[in-house]
């Protein structure tokens, strides 16, 4: 945070520092995002496991299916966000997806 604040106020070599730090900034941001998606997935699995362990939710009940599809949707959304951040040209995304 301090490095970002100082690079904002110091006008000397701002451009060079920003160009050097940009790949690391993108990597750390995507890594943090992937960890947050993994945390959300783990929370869904933990909640469902505890509810099934207590016998409140059956294995193939509608609640289990909702949690499973919510987890799949969260994983797909996370993958699409990371793909969009990695592909700098929007036409690359369409090419990878197959459109």
N, C-alpha and C. Protein backbone atom coordinates (compact mmCIF):
# COMPACT_ATOMS: atom_id res chain seq x y z
N UNK A 1 0.81 -1.17 0.00
CA UNK A 1 0.00 0.00 0.00
C UNK A 1 0.87 1.24 0.00
N UNK A 2 1.91 1.22 0.81
CA UNK A 2 2.81 2.38 0.90
C UNK A 2 3.53 2.58 -0.42
N UNK A 3 3.96 1.49 -1.06
CA UNK A 3 4.64 1.60 -2.35
C UNK A 3 3.71 2.20 -3.40
N UNK A 4 2.46 1.79 -3.41
CA UNK A 4 1.49 2.35 -4.34
C UNK A 4 1.23 3.82 -4.09
N UNK A 5 1.14 4.19 -2.83
CA UNK A 5 0.91 5.59 -2.48
C UNK A 5 2.10 6.45 -2.88
N UNK A 6 3.31 5.96 -2.61
CA UNK A 6 4.50 6.73 -2.96
C UNK A 6 4.68 6.83 -4.47
N UNK A 7 4.35 5.77 -5.20
CA UNK A 7 4.49 5.85 -6.66
C UNK A 7 3.44 6.77 -7.27
N UNK A 8 2.33 6.93 -6.60
CA UNK A 8 1.31 7.86 -7.09
C UNK A 8 1.77 9.31 -6.91
N UNK A 9 2.38 9.61 -5.77
CA UNK A 9 2.78 10.99 -5.49
C UNK A 9 4.13 11.35 -6.07
N UNK A 10 5.01 10.39 -6.23
CA UNK A 10 6.33 10.68 -6.80
C UNK A 10 6.24 10.59 -8.31
N UNK A 11 6.51 11.69 -8.99
CA UNK A 11 6.34 11.75 -10.44
C UNK A 11 7.63 11.42 -11.20
N UNK A 12 8.67 11.00 -10.53
CA UNK A 12 9.95 10.76 -11.18
C UNK A 12 9.93 9.62 -12.18
N UNK A 13 9.90 8.41 -11.70
CA UNK A 13 9.92 7.24 -12.58
C UNK A 13 8.64 6.44 -12.46
N UNK A 14 7.55 7.13 -12.47
CA UNK A 14 6.25 6.47 -12.28
C UNK A 14 5.98 5.50 -13.42
N UNK A 15 6.21 5.92 -14.64
CA UNK A 15 5.89 5.07 -15.80
C UNK A 15 6.72 3.78 -15.79
N UNK A 16 8.00 3.89 -15.53
CA UNK A 16 8.86 2.71 -15.50
C UNK A 16 8.49 1.74 -14.40
N UNK A 17 8.17 2.30 -13.24
CA UNK A 17 7.79 1.44 -12.11
C UNK A 17 6.46 0.77 -12.38
N UNK A 18 5.52 1.50 -12.94
CA UNK A 18 4.21 0.91 -13.23
C UNK A 18 4.31 -0.20 -14.26
N UNK A 19 5.13 0.00 -15.28
CA UNK A 19 5.31 -1.04 -16.30
C UNK A 19 5.96 -2.27 -15.69
N UNK A 20 6.91 -2.07 -14.77
CA UNK A 20 7.59 -3.19 -14.13
C UNK A 20 6.68 -3.94 -13.17
N UNK A 21 5.83 -3.22 -12.46
CA UNK A 21 5.00 -3.82 -11.41
C UNK A 21 3.71 -4.41 -11.96
N UNK A 22 3.27 -3.99 -13.15
CA UNK A 22 1.98 -4.43 -13.68
C UNK A 22 1.81 -5.96 -13.74
N UNK A 23 2.78 -6.74 -14.28
CA UNK A 23 2.57 -8.20 -14.28
C UNK A 23 2.42 -8.79 -12.89
N UNK A 24 3.17 -8.27 -11.92
CA UNK A 24 3.04 -8.77 -10.55
C UNK A 24 1.70 -8.37 -9.95
N UNK A 25 1.25 -7.18 -10.28
CA UNK A 25 -0.05 -6.71 -9.79
C UNK A 25 -1.18 -7.60 -10.32
N UNK A 26 -1.11 -7.93 -11.60
CA UNK A 26 -2.13 -8.80 -12.21
C UNK A 26 -2.06 -10.19 -11.58
N UNK A 27 -0.85 -10.73 -11.41
CA UNK A 27 -0.70 -12.06 -10.83
C UNK A 27 -1.25 -12.12 -9.42
N UNK A 28 -0.90 -11.15 -8.58
CA UNK A 28 -1.36 -11.16 -7.19
C UNK A 28 -2.88 -10.98 -7.13
N UNK A 29 -3.43 -10.12 -8.01
CA UNK A 29 -4.87 -9.93 -8.03
C UNK A 29 -5.62 -11.19 -8.43
N UNK A 30 -5.14 -11.86 -9.49
CA UNK A 30 -5.80 -13.09 -9.93
C UNK A 30 -5.62 -14.22 -8.91
N UNK A 31 -4.47 -14.26 -8.27
CA UNK A 31 -4.23 -15.27 -7.24
C UNK A 31 -5.19 -15.05 -6.06
N UNK A 32 -5.36 -13.81 -5.65
CA UNK A 32 -6.29 -13.50 -4.56
C UNK A 32 -7.72 -13.84 -4.95
N UNK A 33 -8.08 -13.53 -6.19
CA UNK A 33 -9.43 -13.86 -6.66
C UNK A 33 -9.65 -15.37 -6.68
N UNK A 34 -8.66 -16.13 -7.16
CA UNK A 34 -8.79 -17.59 -7.18
C UNK A 34 -8.90 -18.15 -5.77
N UNK A 35 -8.16 -17.57 -4.83
CA UNK A 35 -8.27 -18.02 -3.44
C UNK A 35 -9.64 -17.71 -2.86
N UNK A 36 -10.22 -16.58 -3.23
CA UNK A 36 -11.55 -16.25 -2.71
C UNK A 36 -12.61 -17.18 -3.30
N UNK A 37 -12.47 -17.56 -4.57
CA UNK A 37 -13.40 -18.52 -5.17
C UNK A 37 -13.25 -19.89 -4.49
N UNK A 38 -12.00 -20.28 -4.23
CA UNK A 38 -11.77 -21.56 -3.54
C UNK A 38 -12.35 -21.53 -2.13
N UNK A 39 -12.25 -20.40 -1.45
CA UNK A 39 -12.82 -20.26 -0.11
C UNK A 39 -14.34 -20.38 -0.15
N UNK A 40 -14.96 -19.75 -1.14
CA UNK A 40 -16.42 -19.84 -1.27
C UNK A 40 -16.84 -21.28 -1.56
N UNK A 41 -16.11 -21.96 -2.43
CA UNK A 41 -16.42 -23.37 -2.73
C UNK A 41 -16.28 -24.24 -1.48
N UNK A 42 -15.23 -24.01 -0.73
CA UNK A 42 -15.01 -24.78 0.49
C UNK A 42 -16.12 -24.52 1.51
N UNK A 43 -16.57 -23.27 1.61
CA UNK A 43 -17.66 -22.94 2.52
C UNK A 43 -18.96 -23.63 2.13
N UNK A 44 -19.25 -23.67 0.83
CA UNK A 44 -20.45 -24.39 0.38
C UNK A 44 -20.37 -25.87 0.71
N UNK A 45 -19.23 -26.46 0.44
CA UNK A 45 -19.06 -27.89 0.72
C UNK A 45 -19.13 -28.18 2.21
N UNK A 46 -18.52 -27.32 3.01
CA UNK A 46 -18.55 -27.54 4.45
C UNK A 46 -19.97 -27.44 5.01
N UNK A 47 -20.71 -26.44 4.57
CA UNK A 47 -22.08 -26.28 5.06
C UNK A 47 -22.95 -27.47 4.67
N UNK A 48 -22.82 -27.91 3.43
CA UNK A 48 -23.61 -29.05 2.98
C UNK A 48 -23.20 -30.33 3.72
N UNK A 49 -21.91 -30.50 3.94
CA UNK A 49 -21.44 -31.69 4.66
C UNK A 49 -21.97 -31.72 6.09
N UNK A 50 -21.95 -30.57 6.78
CA UNK A 50 -22.47 -30.54 8.14
C UNK A 50 -23.97 -30.79 8.19
N UNK A 51 -24.71 -30.22 7.23
CA UNK A 51 -26.15 -30.46 7.20
C UNK A 51 -26.47 -31.92 6.89
N UNK A 52 -25.69 -32.55 6.02
CA UNK A 52 -25.92 -33.96 5.71
C UNK A 52 -25.50 -34.84 6.88
N UNK A 53 -24.47 -34.44 7.59
CA UNK A 53 -24.01 -35.22 8.75
C UNK A 53 -25.03 -35.23 9.87
N UNK A 54 -25.75 -34.14 10.04
CA UNK A 54 -26.79 -34.07 11.08
C UNK A 54 -28.10 -34.69 10.63
N UNK A 55 -28.19 -35.06 9.37
CA UNK A 55 -29.41 -35.67 8.86
C UNK A 55 -30.48 -34.67 8.47
N UNK A 56 -30.14 -33.38 8.41
CA UNK A 56 -31.12 -32.36 8.05
C UNK A 56 -31.35 -32.28 6.54
N UNK A 57 -30.35 -32.67 5.77
CA UNK A 57 -30.44 -32.65 4.31
C UNK A 57 -30.02 -34.01 3.80
N UNK A 58 -30.84 -34.59 2.94
CA UNK A 58 -30.50 -35.88 2.37
C UNK A 58 -29.50 -35.72 1.23
N UNK A 59 -28.87 -36.84 0.86
CA UNK A 59 -27.81 -36.80 -0.14
C UNK A 59 -28.30 -36.32 -1.50
N UNK A 60 -29.44 -36.77 -1.97
CA UNK A 60 -29.95 -36.38 -3.29
C UNK A 60 -31.17 -35.48 -3.20
N UNK A 61 -31.21 -34.66 -2.19
CA UNK A 61 -32.36 -33.77 -2.01
C UNK A 61 -32.21 -32.54 -2.92
N UNK A 62 -33.29 -31.81 -3.10
CA UNK A 62 -33.21 -30.58 -3.92
C UNK A 62 -32.22 -29.56 -3.36
N UNK A 63 -32.09 -29.48 -2.04
CA UNK A 63 -31.13 -28.56 -1.45
C UNK A 63 -29.70 -28.92 -1.84
N UNK A 64 -29.40 -30.21 -1.89
CA UNK A 64 -28.08 -30.65 -2.30
C UNK A 64 -27.81 -30.29 -3.76
N UNK A 65 -28.81 -30.45 -4.59
CA UNK A 65 -28.64 -30.10 -6.00
C UNK A 65 -28.43 -28.60 -6.18
N UNK A 66 -29.15 -27.79 -5.40
CA UNK A 66 -28.98 -26.34 -5.49
C UNK A 66 -27.55 -25.95 -5.10
N UNK A 67 -27.04 -26.53 -4.02
CA UNK A 67 -25.68 -26.22 -3.59
C UNK A 67 -24.67 -26.70 -4.62
N UNK A 68 -24.89 -27.87 -5.21
CA UNK A 68 -23.96 -28.38 -6.22
C UNK A 68 -23.95 -27.50 -7.46
N UNK A 69 -25.12 -27.09 -7.94
CA UNK A 69 -25.16 -26.23 -9.12
C UNK A 69 -24.64 -24.82 -8.80
N UNK A 70 -24.85 -24.37 -7.58
CA UNK A 70 -24.27 -23.09 -7.17
C UNK A 70 -22.74 -23.16 -7.19
N UNK A 71 -22.21 -24.26 -6.73
CA UNK A 71 -20.75 -24.46 -6.77
C UNK A 71 -20.21 -24.54 -8.18
N UNK A 72 -20.93 -25.26 -9.05
CA UNK A 72 -20.50 -25.32 -10.45
C UNK A 72 -20.56 -23.95 -11.12
N UNK A 73 -21.63 -23.22 -10.86
CA UNK A 73 -21.75 -21.89 -11.44
C UNK A 73 -20.66 -20.95 -10.94
N UNK A 74 -20.35 -21.05 -9.67
CA UNK A 74 -19.28 -20.22 -9.10
C UNK A 74 -17.93 -20.56 -9.71
N UNK A 75 -17.68 -21.84 -9.92
CA UNK A 75 -16.43 -22.26 -10.56
C UNK A 75 -16.34 -21.75 -12.00
N UNK A 76 -17.43 -21.87 -12.74
CA UNK A 76 -17.42 -21.40 -14.13
C UNK A 76 -17.26 -19.89 -14.21
N UNK A 77 -17.94 -19.17 -13.33
CA UNK A 77 -17.80 -17.72 -13.31
C UNK A 77 -16.37 -17.32 -12.96
N UNK A 78 -15.79 -17.99 -12.00
CA UNK A 78 -14.40 -17.70 -11.63
C UNK A 78 -13.44 -17.96 -12.77
N UNK A 79 -13.66 -19.06 -13.49
CA UNK A 79 -12.80 -19.37 -14.63
C UNK A 79 -12.97 -18.35 -15.74
N UNK A 80 -14.19 -17.90 -16.00
CA UNK A 80 -14.42 -16.90 -17.04
C UNK A 80 -13.80 -15.55 -16.68
N UNK A 81 -13.86 -15.18 -15.41
CA UNK A 81 -13.25 -13.91 -14.99
C UNK A 81 -11.74 -13.98 -15.16
N UNK A 82 -11.14 -15.08 -14.76
CA UNK A 82 -9.68 -15.23 -14.91
C UNK A 82 -9.31 -15.27 -16.39
N UNK A 83 -10.09 -15.95 -17.20
CA UNK A 83 -9.84 -15.99 -18.64
C UNK A 83 -9.94 -14.61 -19.26
N UNK A 84 -10.93 -13.84 -18.85
CA UNK A 84 -11.08 -12.48 -19.37
C UNK A 84 -9.93 -11.58 -18.94
N UNK A 85 -9.41 -11.80 -17.75
CA UNK A 85 -8.30 -10.97 -17.29
C UNK A 85 -6.99 -11.35 -17.97
N UNK A 86 -6.83 -12.63 -18.29
CA UNK A 86 -5.58 -13.08 -18.91
C UNK A 86 -5.55 -12.73 -20.39
N UNK A 87 -6.66 -12.87 -21.07
CA UNK A 87 -6.73 -12.55 -22.51
C UNK A 87 -6.88 -11.03 -22.65
N UNK A 88 -5.86 -10.40 -23.21
CA UNK A 88 -5.89 -8.95 -23.33
C UNK A 88 -6.77 -8.49 -24.48
N UNK A 89 -6.92 -9.29 -25.50
CA UNK A 89 -7.72 -8.93 -26.66
C UNK A 89 -9.06 -9.66 -26.58
N UNK A 90 -10.19 -8.96 -26.63
CA UNK A 90 -11.49 -9.63 -26.51
C UNK A 90 -11.74 -10.68 -27.59
N UNK A 91 -11.11 -10.56 -28.75
CA UNK A 91 -11.31 -11.57 -29.79
C UNK A 91 -10.65 -12.88 -29.41
N UNK A 92 -9.63 -12.85 -28.55
CA UNK A 92 -9.00 -14.07 -28.08
C UNK A 92 -9.97 -14.90 -27.25
N UNK A 93 -10.80 -14.24 -26.45
CA UNK A 93 -11.78 -14.95 -25.63
C UNK A 93 -12.79 -15.66 -26.50
N UNK A 94 -13.28 -14.97 -27.55
CA UNK A 94 -14.24 -15.59 -28.45
C UNK A 94 -13.62 -16.77 -29.17
N UNK A 95 -12.36 -16.67 -29.51
CA UNK A 95 -11.67 -17.77 -30.18
C UNK A 95 -11.52 -18.98 -29.24
N UNK A 96 -11.21 -18.73 -27.97
CA UNK A 96 -11.02 -19.83 -27.02
C UNK A 96 -12.35 -20.51 -26.72
N UNK A 97 -13.40 -19.71 -26.52
CA UNK A 97 -14.71 -20.26 -26.20
C UNK A 97 -15.29 -21.00 -27.39
N UNK A 98 -14.99 -20.54 -28.60
CA UNK A 98 -15.46 -21.24 -29.79
C UNK A 98 -16.50 -20.49 -30.58
N UNK A 99 -16.64 -19.21 -30.33
CA UNK A 99 -17.63 -18.42 -31.06
C UNK A 99 -17.00 -17.78 -32.27
